[in-house]
Protein backbone atom coordinates (compact mmCIF):
# COMPACT_ATOMS: atom_id res chain seq x y z
CA UNK A 1 28.80 93.16 -44.98
CA UNK A 2 28.24 89.28 -43.38
CA UNK A 3 30.83 87.11 -42.62
CA UNK A 4 30.42 83.67 -44.70
CA UNK A 5 30.40 80.26 -42.17
CA UNK A 6 32.17 77.50 -42.73
CA UNK A 7 30.05 74.43 -43.20
CA UNK A 8 30.81 71.81 -40.16
CA UNK A 9 31.32 68.30 -40.39
CA UNK A 10 28.12 65.68 -38.91
CA UNK A 11 31.59 65.89 -36.46
CA UNK A 12 31.03 68.74 -36.39
CA UNK A 13 27.98 69.92 -36.24
CA UNK A 14 26.96 66.80 -33.91
CA UNK A 15 28.93 68.32 -31.03
CA UNK A 16 27.72 71.87 -31.42
CA UNK A 17 24.29 70.53 -30.25
CA UNK A 18 25.38 67.51 -28.12
CA UNK A 19 24.93 64.06 -29.83
CA UNK A 20 26.98 61.98 -31.79
CA UNK A 21 27.46 61.64 -35.05
CA UNK A 22 25.41 58.77 -35.71
CA UNK A 23 22.65 60.01 -33.79
CA UNK A 24 22.50 63.23 -35.44
CA UNK A 25 22.88 61.58 -38.74
CA UNK A 26 20.08 59.24 -37.23
CA UNK A 27 18.15 62.89 -36.65
CA UNK A 28 18.63 63.86 -39.71
CA UNK A 29 17.58 61.34 -41.87
CA UNK A 30 14.30 61.46 -39.63
CA UNK A 31 13.48 64.94 -39.83
CA UNK A 32 14.54 65.97 -43.43
CA UNK A 33 12.96 65.44 -46.83
CA UNK A 34 14.07 62.12 -48.35
CA UNK A 35 14.85 64.93 -51.47
CA UNK A 36 16.61 67.33 -49.45
CA UNK A 37 18.82 63.87 -48.05
CA UNK A 38 22.62 63.33 -49.79
CA UNK A 39 22.33 60.07 -50.90
CA UNK A 40 23.85 56.96 -50.54
CA UNK A 41 27.29 57.22 -49.29
CA UNK A 42 26.52 61.34 -49.64
CA UNK A 43 27.75 63.41 -46.72
CA UNK A 44 25.53 66.08 -45.03
CA UNK A 45 26.21 70.05 -45.71
CA UNK A 46 25.70 71.91 -42.11
CA UNK A 47 25.45 75.22 -41.93
CA UNK A 48 27.92 76.75 -38.74
CA UNK A 49 25.13 79.25 -38.10
CA UNK A 50 24.28 80.78 -35.23
CA UNK A 51 21.01 80.45 -36.04
CA UNK A 52 20.94 77.09 -37.45
CA UNK A 53 22.72 75.99 -34.45
CA UNK A 54 20.21 76.86 -31.99
CA UNK A 55 17.01 76.07 -34.06
CA UNK A 56 18.65 72.18 -34.34
CA UNK A 57 19.24 72.17 -30.60
CA UNK A 58 15.77 73.18 -30.30
CA UNK A 59 14.64 70.26 -33.11
CA UNK A 60 16.41 67.98 -31.12
CA UNK A 61 15.47 68.18 -28.36
CA UNK A 62 11.65 67.65 -29.36
CA UNK A 63 13.30 64.56 -31.18
CA UNK A 64 14.78 62.63 -28.62
CA UNK A 65 11.68 63.50 -26.44
CA UNK A 66 9.46 62.01 -28.97
CA UNK A 67 11.48 58.79 -29.19
CA UNK A 68 12.01 59.13 -25.52
CA UNK A 69 8.34 58.62 -25.42
CA UNK A 70 8.01 55.91 -28.41
CA UNK A 71 10.37 53.85 -26.81
CA UNK A 72 7.93 54.31 -23.78
CA UNK A 73 4.69 53.11 -25.35
CA UNK A 74 6.47 50.56 -26.99
CA UNK A 75 7.82 48.89 -23.99
CA UNK A 76 4.31 49.73 -22.32
CA UNK A 77 3.17 47.21 -25.32
CA UNK A 78 5.43 44.74 -25.12
CA UNK A 79 4.92 44.10 -20.98
CA UNK A 80 1.04 44.10 -20.97
CA UNK A 81 1.56 41.05 -24.37
CA UNK A 82 3.74 39.40 -21.93
CA UNK A 83 0.95 40.15 -19.15
CA UNK A 84 -2.10 38.59 -20.95
CA UNK A 85 0.60 35.88 -22.49
CA UNK A 86 1.10 34.71 -18.48
CA UNK A 87 -2.76 35.09 -17.82
CA UNK A 88 -3.62 33.79 -20.98
CA UNK A 89 -1.16 30.05 -19.39
CA UNK A 90 -2.27 30.95 -16.53
CA UNK A 91 -5.81 29.99 -16.59
CA UNK A 92 -5.56 27.61 -18.37
CA UNK A 93 -7.47 23.57 -17.23
CA UNK A 94 -5.48 21.49 -16.26
CA UNK A 95 -6.49 18.78 -19.45
CA UNK A 96 -5.20 21.38 -21.69
CA UNK A 97 -1.99 21.49 -20.73
CA UNK A 98 0.23 18.20 -21.90
CA UNK A 99 2.06 17.28 -19.15
CA UNK A 100 4.61 14.66 -20.88
CA UNK A 101 5.75 16.97 -22.99
CA UNK A 102 5.85 20.43 -20.76
CA UNK A 103 3.60 22.02 -24.15
CA UNK A 104 0.44 23.78 -23.93
CA UNK A 105 -2.33 22.83 -26.30
CA UNK A 106 -3.24 25.37 -29.13
CA UNK A 107 -6.98 25.35 -30.12
CA UNK A 108 -6.58 27.05 -33.92
CA UNK A 109 -9.97 27.31 -34.59
């Protein structure tokens, strides 16, 4: 006979996989199909079995890595865009800059 394992709250489940409840909910929303998610104001029902927790730890670690990689990619793109803007401004001729207004004339072709 198998003992029934109690369901865990998001706080308990988050502690078990090494995160906080807010991050756990974000992870759950991004990895669970919408039709399997609790509705607005609903609560997540999270089984506390060893197999579920083991899989959740593995999936959460992968999700965290993917999130960090995506953030690094966004930061690199923002840095490149900023450098491109600086390079564009530095490449302007003096007659393209209105020194009285400290503004740049924009060619709207």
